[in-house]
Protein backbone atom coordinates (compact mmCIF):
# COMPACT_ATOMS: atom_id res chain seq x y z
CA MET A 1 5.77 22.42 6.27
CA ALA A 2 7.71 22.92 3.03
CA THR A 3 10.93 23.41 4.97
CA GLY A 4 10.48 20.11 6.80
CA TYR A 5 9.93 18.14 3.61
CA ALA A 6 12.76 19.96 1.84
CA GLU A 7 15.11 18.98 4.67
CA LEU A 8 13.97 15.37 4.38
CA LEU A 9 14.56 15.28 0.63
CA ARG A 10 17.98 16.87 1.01
CA ALA A 11 19.14 13.87 3.05
CA ARG A 12 21.66 11.83 1.14
CA HIS A 13 20.05 9.12 -1.02
CA ALA A 14 16.47 10.12 -0.01
CA VAL A 15 15.29 11.34 -3.42
CA ARG A 16 16.97 8.45 -5.22
CA LEU A 17 15.36 5.84 -2.98
CA LEU A 18 11.91 7.41 -3.14
CA ALA A 19 11.99 7.93 -6.91
CA GLY A 20 13.52 4.51 -7.60
CA THR A 21 10.95 2.74 -5.44
CA LEU A 22 8.04 4.53 -7.10
CA LEU A 23 9.39 3.75 -10.57
CA GLY A 24 10.07 0.16 -9.54
CA ARG A 25 6.50 -0.23 -8.34
CA LEU A 26 5.02 1.12 -11.59
CA PRO A 27 4.32 -2.42 -12.91
CA ASN A 28 2.40 -3.19 -9.72
CA ALA A 29 0.38 0.02 -9.94
CA THR A 30 -0.55 -0.62 -13.56
CA GLY A 31 -0.59 -4.42 -13.72
CA PRO A 32 -4.35 -5.06 -13.59
CA ILE A 33 -5.30 -2.40 -16.15
CA ALA A 34 -2.36 -3.23 -18.45
CA ILE A 35 -3.28 -6.93 -18.41
CA ALA A 36 -6.97 -6.22 -19.00
CA LEU A 37 -6.29 -3.88 -21.94
CA PHE A 38 -3.86 -6.37 -23.50
CA ILE A 39 -6.25 -9.31 -23.18
CA ARG A 40 -9.09 -7.35 -24.75
CA ALA A 41 -6.85 -6.19 -27.61
CA ALA A 42 -5.79 -9.81 -28.18
CA GLY A 43 -9.42 -10.81 -28.63
CA GLY A 44 -10.06 -12.16 -25.15
CA SER A 45 -13.34 -11.68 -23.33
CA MET A 46 -13.97 -9.41 -20.37
CA THR A 47 -14.30 -12.54 -18.27
CA LEU A 48 -10.82 -13.69 -19.28
CA ALA A 49 -9.40 -10.21 -18.70
CA GLY A 50 -10.91 -10.16 -15.23
CA ALA A 51 -9.71 -13.67 -14.45
CA LEU A 52 -6.12 -12.94 -15.45
CA SER A 53 -6.13 -9.64 -13.56
CA ALA A 54 -7.38 -11.53 -10.50
CA VAL A 55 -4.60 -14.12 -10.89
CA TYR A 56 -2.09 -11.27 -10.97
CA GLY A 57 -3.52 -9.75 -7.80
CA LEU A 58 -3.55 -13.04 -5.91
CA ALA A 59 -0.02 -13.91 -7.06
CA THR A 60 1.23 -10.53 -5.86
CA ALA A 61 -0.48 -11.07 -2.51
CA VAL A 62 1.34 -14.38 -2.08
CA GLY A 63 4.68 -13.20 -3.41
CA GLN A 64 5.16 -9.99 -1.42
CA PRO A 65 5.52 -11.48 2.09
CA MET A 66 7.40 -14.48 0.71
CA LEU A 67 9.97 -12.25 -1.00
CA GLY A 68 9.98 -9.93 2.01
CA ARG A 69 11.13 -12.81 4.20
CA LEU A 70 13.90 -13.60 1.71
CA VAL A 71 14.99 -9.95 1.78
CA ASP A 72 15.26 -10.10 5.57
CA LEU A 73 17.37 -13.25 5.27
CA TYR A 74 19.63 -12.40 2.31
CA GLY A 75 19.51 -8.63 1.82
CA GLN A 76 17.81 -6.41 -0.74
CA PRO A 77 20.04 -6.65 -3.85
CA ARG A 78 20.19 -10.45 -3.89
CA VAL A 79 16.39 -10.75 -3.87
CA MET A 80 14.80 -7.62 -5.30
CA LEU A 81 16.72 -7.26 -8.55
CA PRO A 82 16.39 -10.92 -9.65
CA ALA A 83 12.71 -10.86 -8.67
CA SER A 84 12.14 -7.69 -10.69
CA VAL A 85 13.81 -9.21 -13.76
CA VAL A 86 11.83 -12.47 -13.51
CA SER A 87 8.58 -10.54 -13.04
CA ALA A 88 9.34 -8.40 -16.10
CA LEU A 89 10.15 -11.53 -18.13
CA GLY A 90 6.74 -12.94 -17.23
CA ALA A 91 5.05 -9.77 -18.47
CA ALA A 92 7.22 -9.63 -21.59
CA THR A 93 6.45 -13.25 -22.48
CA LEU A 94 2.74 -12.50 -22.19
CA ALA A 95 3.14 -9.42 -24.41
CA LEU A 96 5.04 -11.36 -27.07
CA THR A 97 3.04 -14.61 -27.12
CA GLY A 98 -0.50 -13.37 -26.45
CA ILE A 99 -3.30 -15.51 -25.04
CA ASP A 100 -2.77 -18.62 -27.16
CA PRO A 101 -2.07 -21.09 -25.63
CA LEU A 102 -4.13 -19.96 -22.68
CA PRO A 103 -2.24 -21.98 -20.01
CA LEU A 104 0.93 -20.12 -20.99
CA ALA A 105 -0.86 -16.79 -20.55
CA TYR A 106 -1.96 -17.79 -17.07
CA GLY A 107 1.58 -18.92 -16.26
CA CYS A 108 3.05 -15.63 -17.47
CA VAL A 109 0.65 -13.60 -15.34
CA LEU A 110 1.38 -15.83 -12.35
CA VAL A 111 5.13 -15.19 -12.71
CA PHE A 112 4.50 -11.47 -13.31
CA GLY A 113 2.67 -11.15 -10.00
CA LEU A 114 4.48 -13.71 -7.86
CA PHE A 115 7.91 -12.14 -8.40
CA THR A 116 6.88 -8.51 -7.99
CA PRO A 117 9.66 -7.24 -5.68
CA PRO A 118 8.64 -5.92 -2.22
CA LEU A 119 10.08 -2.46 -2.89
CA GLU A 120 7.52 -0.67 -0.72
CA GLY A 121 8.42 -2.64 2.40
CA GLY A 122 12.08 -2.42 1.49
CA LEU A 123 12.01 1.37 1.32
CA ARG A 124 10.36 1.65 4.71
CA ALA A 125 13.02 -0.62 6.16
CA LEU A 126 15.69 1.72 4.77
CA TRP A 127 14.32 5.07 5.96
CA PRO A 128 15.62 4.90 9.56
CA SER A 129 19.22 4.31 8.46
CA VAL A 130 19.00 7.07 5.83
CA LEU A 131 17.27 9.78 7.86
CA LYS A 132 18.46 9.02 11.40
CA ARG A 133 16.00 11.39 13.15
CA GLU A 134 12.67 9.96 14.33
CA GLU A 135 10.51 12.86 13.16
CA GLN A 136 12.03 12.63 9.67
CA VAL A 137 11.23 8.92 9.50
CA HIS A 138 7.59 9.70 10.33
CA SER A 139 7.53 12.38 7.62
CA ALA A 140 9.11 9.96 5.14
CA TYR A 141 6.40 7.35 5.78
CA ALA A 142 3.74 10.00 5.15
CA LEU A 143 5.49 11.37 2.05
CA ASP A 144 5.85 7.83 0.74
CA ALA A 145 2.13 7.22 1.17
CA VAL A 146 1.32 10.50 -0.61
CA ALA A 147 3.72 9.75 -3.48
CA GLN A 148 2.09 6.37 -3.98
CA GLU A 149 -1.33 8.01 -4.23
CA VAL A 150 0.07 10.12 -7.05
CA MET A 151 1.71 7.11 -8.70
CA PHE A 152 -1.43 4.98 -8.59
CA ALA A 153 -3.28 7.82 -10.29
CA ALA A 154 -0.57 8.61 -12.87
CA GLY A 155 0.34 4.98 -13.66
CA PRO A 156 -2.92 4.02 -15.41
CA LEU A 157 -2.74 7.32 -17.32
CA LEU A 158 0.73 6.36 -18.57
CA VAL A 159 -0.58 2.97 -19.71
CA THR A 160 -3.44 4.66 -21.56
CA LEU A 161 -1.02 7.02 -23.33
CA LEU A 162 1.27 4.14 -24.32
CA VAL A 163 -1.70 2.20 -25.69
CA ALA A 164 -2.93 5.22 -27.65
CA GLY A 165 0.49 6.05 -29.06
CA TRP A 166 1.83 2.54 -29.56
CA SER A 167 0.04 -0.67 -28.49
CA GLU A 168 -1.17 -2.69 -25.51
CA ALA A 169 1.83 -5.03 -25.81
CA ALA A 170 4.20 -2.07 -25.85
CA ALA A 171 2.57 -0.71 -22.71
CA LEU A 172 3.32 -3.96 -20.87
CA LEU A 173 6.91 -4.00 -22.11
CA VAL A 174 7.71 -0.35 -21.39
CA VAL A 175 6.14 -0.28 -17.94
CA ASN A 176 8.03 -3.39 -16.85
CA ALA A 177 11.31 -2.15 -18.31
CA LEU A 178 10.88 1.02 -16.25
CA GLY A 179 10.12 -1.14 -13.23
CA VAL A 180 13.42 -3.02 -13.59
CA LEU A 181 15.31 0.28 -13.92
CA GLY A 182 13.65 1.57 -10.75
CA ALA A 183 14.51 -1.57 -8.80
CA LEU A 184 18.08 -1.42 -10.11
CA SER A 185 18.41 2.20 -8.97
CA VAL A 186 17.37 1.21 -5.45
CA VAL A 187 19.41 -1.96 -4.96
CA VAL A 188 22.71 -0.53 -6.19
CA SER A 189 22.42 2.44 -3.79
CA PRO A 190 24.72 2.39 -0.73
CA PRO A 191 21.84 2.22 1.81
CA SER A 192 20.31 -0.83 0.11
CA ARG A 193 23.66 -2.60 -0.33
CA SER A 194 24.71 -2.05 3.29
CA TRP A 195 21.32 -2.74 4.90
CA ARG A 196 21.11 -5.87 7.01
CA SER A 197 18.16 -7.16 8.95
CA ALA A 198 18.46 -7.43 12.71
CA PRO A 199 19.34 -10.90 14.06
CA ARG A 200 16.25 -13.09 14.04
CA THR A 201 14.98 -16.15 15.85
CA PRO A 202 14.08 -18.79 13.26
CA HIS A 203 10.34 -19.49 13.22
CA TRP A 204 8.11 -20.87 10.48
CA LEU A 205 5.57 -18.08 11.04
CA GLY A 206 8.18 -15.38 10.60
CA ALA A 207 6.67 -11.95 11.23
CA LEU A 208 3.23 -13.47 11.82
CA ARG A 209 4.21 -14.76 15.24
CA SER A 210 3.63 -11.21 16.52
CA ALA A 211 0.14 -10.85 18.00
CA GLY A 212 0.26 -7.08 17.53
CA LEU A 213 1.06 -7.46 13.83
CA LYS A 214 -1.87 -9.83 13.34
CA VAL A 215 -4.19 -7.24 14.88
CA LEU A 216 -2.92 -4.60 12.48
CA LEU A 217 -3.32 -6.92 9.49
CA ALA A 218 -6.91 -7.73 10.45
CA ALA A 219 -7.74 -4.02 10.85
CA PHE A 220 -6.13 -2.95 7.59
CA PHE A 221 -7.85 -5.69 5.63
CA PHE A 222 -11.04 -3.76 6.37
CA VAL A 223 -9.41 -0.39 5.62
CA GLY A 224 -8.47 -1.85 2.22
CA LEU A 225 -12.00 -3.19 1.81
CA ALA A 226 -13.42 0.29 2.41
CA LEU A 227 -11.10 1.74 -0.20
CA GLY A 228 -11.77 -1.04 -2.71
CA THR A 229 -15.53 -0.44 -2.70
CA PHE A 230 -15.20 3.26 -3.49
CA ALA A 231 -14.24 3.11 -7.19
CA LEU A 232 -17.08 0.81 -8.28
CA ALA A 233 -19.61 2.66 -6.13
CA ALA A 234 -18.40 5.91 -7.72
CA VAL A 235 -19.09 4.46 -11.18
CA SER A 236 -22.59 3.47 -10.06
CA TYR A 237 -23.17 6.98 -8.68
CA ALA A 238 -22.06 8.45 -12.02
CA ASP A 239 -24.48 6.15 -13.88
CA ASP A 240 -27.29 7.32 -11.59
CA HIS A 241 -26.54 10.92 -12.59
CA GLY A 242 -26.09 10.19 -16.29
CA ASP A 243 -22.56 11.57 -16.46
CA LYS A 244 -19.53 9.26 -16.53
CA LEU A 245 -17.23 12.14 -15.55
CA VAL A 246 -18.81 12.26 -12.10
CA SER A 247 -16.94 9.10 -11.08
CA THR A 248 -13.70 10.83 -12.09
CA TYR A 249 -14.58 13.78 -9.87
CA LEU A 250 -15.18 11.48 -6.91
CA LEU A 251 -11.97 9.51 -7.40
CA ALA A 252 -9.98 12.71 -7.85
CA ALA A 253 -11.53 14.14 -4.68
CA GLN A 254 -10.61 11.07 -2.67
CA GLY A 255 -7.05 11.17 -4.03
CA ALA A 256 -6.78 14.87 -3.25
CA GLY A 257 -8.04 14.25 0.28
CA ALA A 258 -5.40 11.57 0.81
CA LEU A 259 -2.75 13.88 -0.60
CA VAL A 260 -3.67 16.75 1.72
CA GLY A 261 -4.04 14.50 4.75
CA GLY A 262 -0.71 12.78 4.19
CA VAL A 263 1.21 16.02 3.62
CA VAL A 264 -0.24 17.70 6.71
CA TYR A 265 0.23 14.62 8.90
CA GLY A 266 3.86 14.17 7.93
CA ALA A 267 4.74 17.83 8.44
CA ARG A 268 4.83 17.76 12.23
CA SER A 269 5.37 15.57 15.27
CA TRP A 270 2.31 14.34 17.15
CA PRO A 271 1.93 13.65 20.88
CA GLY A 272 1.02 10.35 22.48
CA SER A 273 1.88 6.76 21.64
CA HIS A 274 1.91 5.58 18.05
CA GLU A 275 -0.67 2.87 18.80
CA ARG A 276 -3.15 5.32 20.31
CA ARG A 277 -2.61 7.73 17.43
CA LEU A 278 -3.32 4.95 14.94
CA LEU A 279 -6.53 4.08 16.77
CA THR A 280 -7.61 7.72 16.48
CA LEU A 281 -6.73 7.91 12.80
CA VAL A 282 -8.64 4.72 11.98
CA ALA A 283 -11.65 6.12 13.88
CA LEU A 284 -11.45 9.31 11.81
CA PHE A 285 -11.09 7.28 8.62
CA ALA A 286 -14.23 5.32 9.52
CA ALA A 287 -16.13 8.51 10.33
CA GLY A 288 -15.03 10.07 7.04
CA ASN A 289 -16.49 7.19 5.02
CA LEU A 290 -19.88 7.00 6.73
CA PRO A 291 -21.47 10.08 5.04
CA LEU A 292 -20.94 8.53 1.59
CA ALA A 293 -24.00 6.33 2.08
CA LEU A 294 -26.22 9.46 2.03
CA VAL A 295 -25.43 9.89 -1.73
CA PRO A 296 -26.35 13.58 -1.87
CA GLY A 297 -26.00 15.83 -4.95
CA VAL A 298 -22.75 15.91 -6.86
CA PRO A 299 -21.06 18.95 -5.22
CA VAL A 300 -21.67 17.64 -1.69
CA MET A 301 -20.76 14.10 -2.72
CA VAL A 302 -17.44 15.34 -4.12
CA ALA A 303 -16.76 16.98 -0.74
CA PHE A 304 -17.63 13.68 0.98
CA GLY A 305 -15.22 11.92 -1.39
CA GLY A 306 -12.43 14.22 -0.27
CA LEU A 307 -13.34 13.59 3.37
CA SER A 308 -13.23 9.82 2.84
CA GLY A 309 -9.61 10.06 1.70
CA LEU A 310 -8.40 12.65 4.20
CA PHE A 311 -7.27 10.19 6.87
CA LEU A 312 -6.24 7.34 4.54
CA ALA A 313 -2.59 8.33 3.98
CA PRO A 314 -2.06 9.32 7.65
CA SER A 315 -3.50 5.97 8.76
CA LEU A 316 -1.17 4.07 6.44
CA ALA A 317 1.86 6.15 7.44
CA CYS A 318 1.19 5.59 11.15
CA ALA A 319 0.44 1.91 10.56
CA PHE A 320 3.90 1.34 9.12
CA VAL A 321 5.48 2.91 12.21
CA VAL A 322 3.39 0.64 14.45
CA VAL A 323 4.19 -2.42 12.32
CA ASP A 324 7.89 -1.68 12.77
CA ARG A 325 7.37 -1.54 16.54
CA HIS A 326 5.56 -4.87 16.68
CA ALA A 327 7.44 -6.93 14.07
CA PRO A 328 9.76 -9.55 15.60
CA ALA A 329 13.45 -8.71 15.24
CA GLY A 330 14.80 -9.51 11.80
CA THR A 331 11.42 -9.59 10.05
CA VAL A 332 10.77 -5.93 9.28
CA THR A 333 10.59 -6.20 5.46
CA GLU A 334 8.35 -9.24 5.70
CA ALA A 335 6.11 -7.44 8.20
CA PHE A 336 5.80 -4.38 5.97
CA SER A 337 5.05 -6.64 3.00
CA TRP A 338 2.32 -8.41 4.95
CA LEU A 339 0.61 -5.07 5.61
CA VAL A 340 0.83 -4.11 1.93
CA THR A 341 -0.55 -7.51 0.93
CA THR A 342 -3.40 -7.53 3.44
CA PHE A 343 -4.44 -4.02 2.47
CA GLY A 344 -4.42 -5.03 -1.21
CA VAL A 345 -6.39 -8.22 -0.59
CA GLY A 346 -8.96 -6.22 1.37
CA ALA A 347 -9.29 -3.75 -1.51
CA ALA A 348 -9.76 -6.62 -3.98
CA ALA A 349 -12.38 -8.20 -1.72
CA GLY A 350 -14.24 -4.91 -1.48
CA THR A 351 -14.24 -4.46 -5.25
CA ALA A 352 -15.46 -8.04 -5.75
CA ALA A 353 -18.26 -7.78 -3.18
CA VAL A 354 -19.64 -4.31 -3.78
CA GLY A 355 -20.98 -5.05 -7.28
CA THR A 356 -23.55 -7.51 -5.94
CA VAL A 357 -24.43 -5.12 -3.10
CA ILE A 358 -25.09 -2.31 -5.59
CA GLU A 359 -27.23 -4.53 -7.80
CA ARG A 360 -29.40 -5.51 -4.85
CA GLY A 361 -29.45 -2.34 -2.76
CA GLY A 362 -28.42 0.54 -5.00
CA THR A 363 -25.53 3.00 -4.95
CA GLY A 364 -26.12 4.09 -1.37
CA ALA A 365 -25.76 0.51 -0.17
CA GLY A 366 -22.51 0.24 -2.12
CA PHE A 367 -21.06 3.29 -0.40
CA ALA A 368 -22.36 1.94 2.92
CA VAL A 369 -19.95 -0.98 2.48
CA ALA A 370 -17.10 1.54 2.55
CA GLY A 371 -18.38 2.95 5.82
CA ALA A 372 -18.87 -0.55 7.21
CA GLY A 373 -15.28 -1.42 6.30
CA GLY A 374 -13.98 1.56 8.22
CA VAL A 375 -16.13 0.72 11.24
CA ALA A 376 -15.01 -2.92 11.13
CA ALA A 377 -11.36 -1.81 11.14
CA LEU A 378 -12.02 0.35 14.18
CA LEU A 379 -13.86 -2.45 15.99
CA VAL A 380 -10.95 -4.83 15.39
CA MET A 381 -8.52 -2.35 16.91
CA LEU A 382 -10.79 -1.65 19.87
CA ALA A 383 -11.39 -5.35 20.55
CA ALA A 384 -7.68 -6.12 20.41
CA TRP A 385 -6.49 -2.90 22.05
CA PRO A 386 -5.00 -4.71 25.10
CA VAL A 387 -2.73 -6.66 22.73
CA LEU A 388 -1.38 -3.49 21.10
CA ARG A 389 -1.15 -1.62 24.40
CA ASP A 390 0.68 -4.35 26.30
CA ALA A 391 3.11 -5.01 23.45
CA ALA A 392 3.88 -1.30 23.23
CA ARG A 393 4.44 -1.10 27.00
CA ALA A 394 6.72 -4.11 26.93
CA ARG A 395 8.75 -2.51 24.16
CA THR A 396 9.21 0.73 26.08
CA GLY A 397 9.93 -1.00 29.37
CA VAL A 398 6.58 -0.31 31.04
CA VAL A 399 5.19 -3.21 33.03
CA ALA A 400 1.78 -4.32 31.81
CA GLY A 401 -0.90 -3.20 34.21
CA ALA A 402 1.03 -0.19 35.45
CA PRO A 403 -0.51 3.25 34.94
CA ALA A 404 0.11 4.49 31.42
CA ALA A 405 2.15 7.60 30.92
CA GLY A 406 0.21 10.74 30.11
CA PRO A 407 0.13 12.15 26.60
CA GLY A 408 3.34 13.72 25.48
CA PRO A 409 5.87 13.73 22.69
CA VAL A 410 7.31 10.36 21.84
CA THR A 411 11.06 10.52 22.22
CA GLY A 412 12.06 6.85 21.81
CA PRO A 413 12.98 5.53 18.40
CA PRO A 414 9.93 4.06 16.63
CA CYS A 415 12.05 1.91 14.41
CA ALA A 416 14.56 0.46 16.82
CA GLN A 417 14.95 -2.81 15.01
CA THR A 418 15.68 -1.21 11.66
CA GLU A 419 18.13 1.20 13.23
CA GLN A 420 20.19 -1.86 14.07
CA ASN A 421 20.34 -2.83 10.46
CA GLY A 422 23.31 -0.71 9.55
CA GLY A 423 23.53 2.80 8.17
CA ALA A 424 24.46 3.93 4.72
């Protein structure tokens, strides 16, 4: 396993692209908590802090696919670096002017979120031209998902340390300065500068004209919803047990489960079609979240928390491969950005809804929402399975309605459209 990942990271530009993307996405990972802490320090209410954090999340959800489409049209450097700078300027203006006047604060947060560069989708568009071999691309998707789990855990800790050692305004400024440096590191690299999207057929829907992509987006909205309910339900569980640290144990267990699952999944090749594998992984993700509703004692609940995260990173890694297979030619960055956005919107919806569920039905009902989200994702994929299956057959030259090939290693390139985009 270690040898496989070491070989991947030894590929030219791989470490630089991965590290630069993670650093560039630091503002996105810390945006909500950094905004909330700053607003509270400036004398704003919790309601205002929540409202501005929500504006940031919605603006990011709108901006990611919009900027992703521009990347597919004009290339990464011409879009991502200016977007990163404008986003950082929005955050810096907020840090320097505060919450008075309030309309300016809302405008700053809107700019901060709307211009967040689609670095995650951009990196996944670059992997095939950097790594060349199919199995390494799969491993890179999994490693990327694992690295992001680590970043989303470490990012808020960095903000907390900056606040403790300096100030809330400084935290916003430093995190966004690091984000610009990360984006700069990516876009001046040879793979990013030479990458070109495949030729595309103009269409106002862009990537969304793919039926298979719309199925995946619908499914991963519910995967995100399941994940978004977990944190607040964990806090409720900790309150029930009179120990705030318990929620930390649960969140750490889920993160550790995702870390282990992603590393193991990316370490080897798997038989069968990517679509069927994704269906299996989503089913396992759903099954892993169902026991949470039992809310047993803390040791068992921590184990259930780890189980709930075990198939999260593998599901995301496989989903990006399937998205690449179903995205119309020339729309790969936009398609990846749509998946990131939909997943994030689902998580936000889960967080928003589960509080009321917990108030009315208790902690177990809150965790049941996570299980229901996983089951809903599975039901979407099962209901729309013919769409995914037929699109996959058409891509590999199998006539719809013909007998499917038996399970076996996948030898065709999963990222054919991005392999046309030009190597480093």
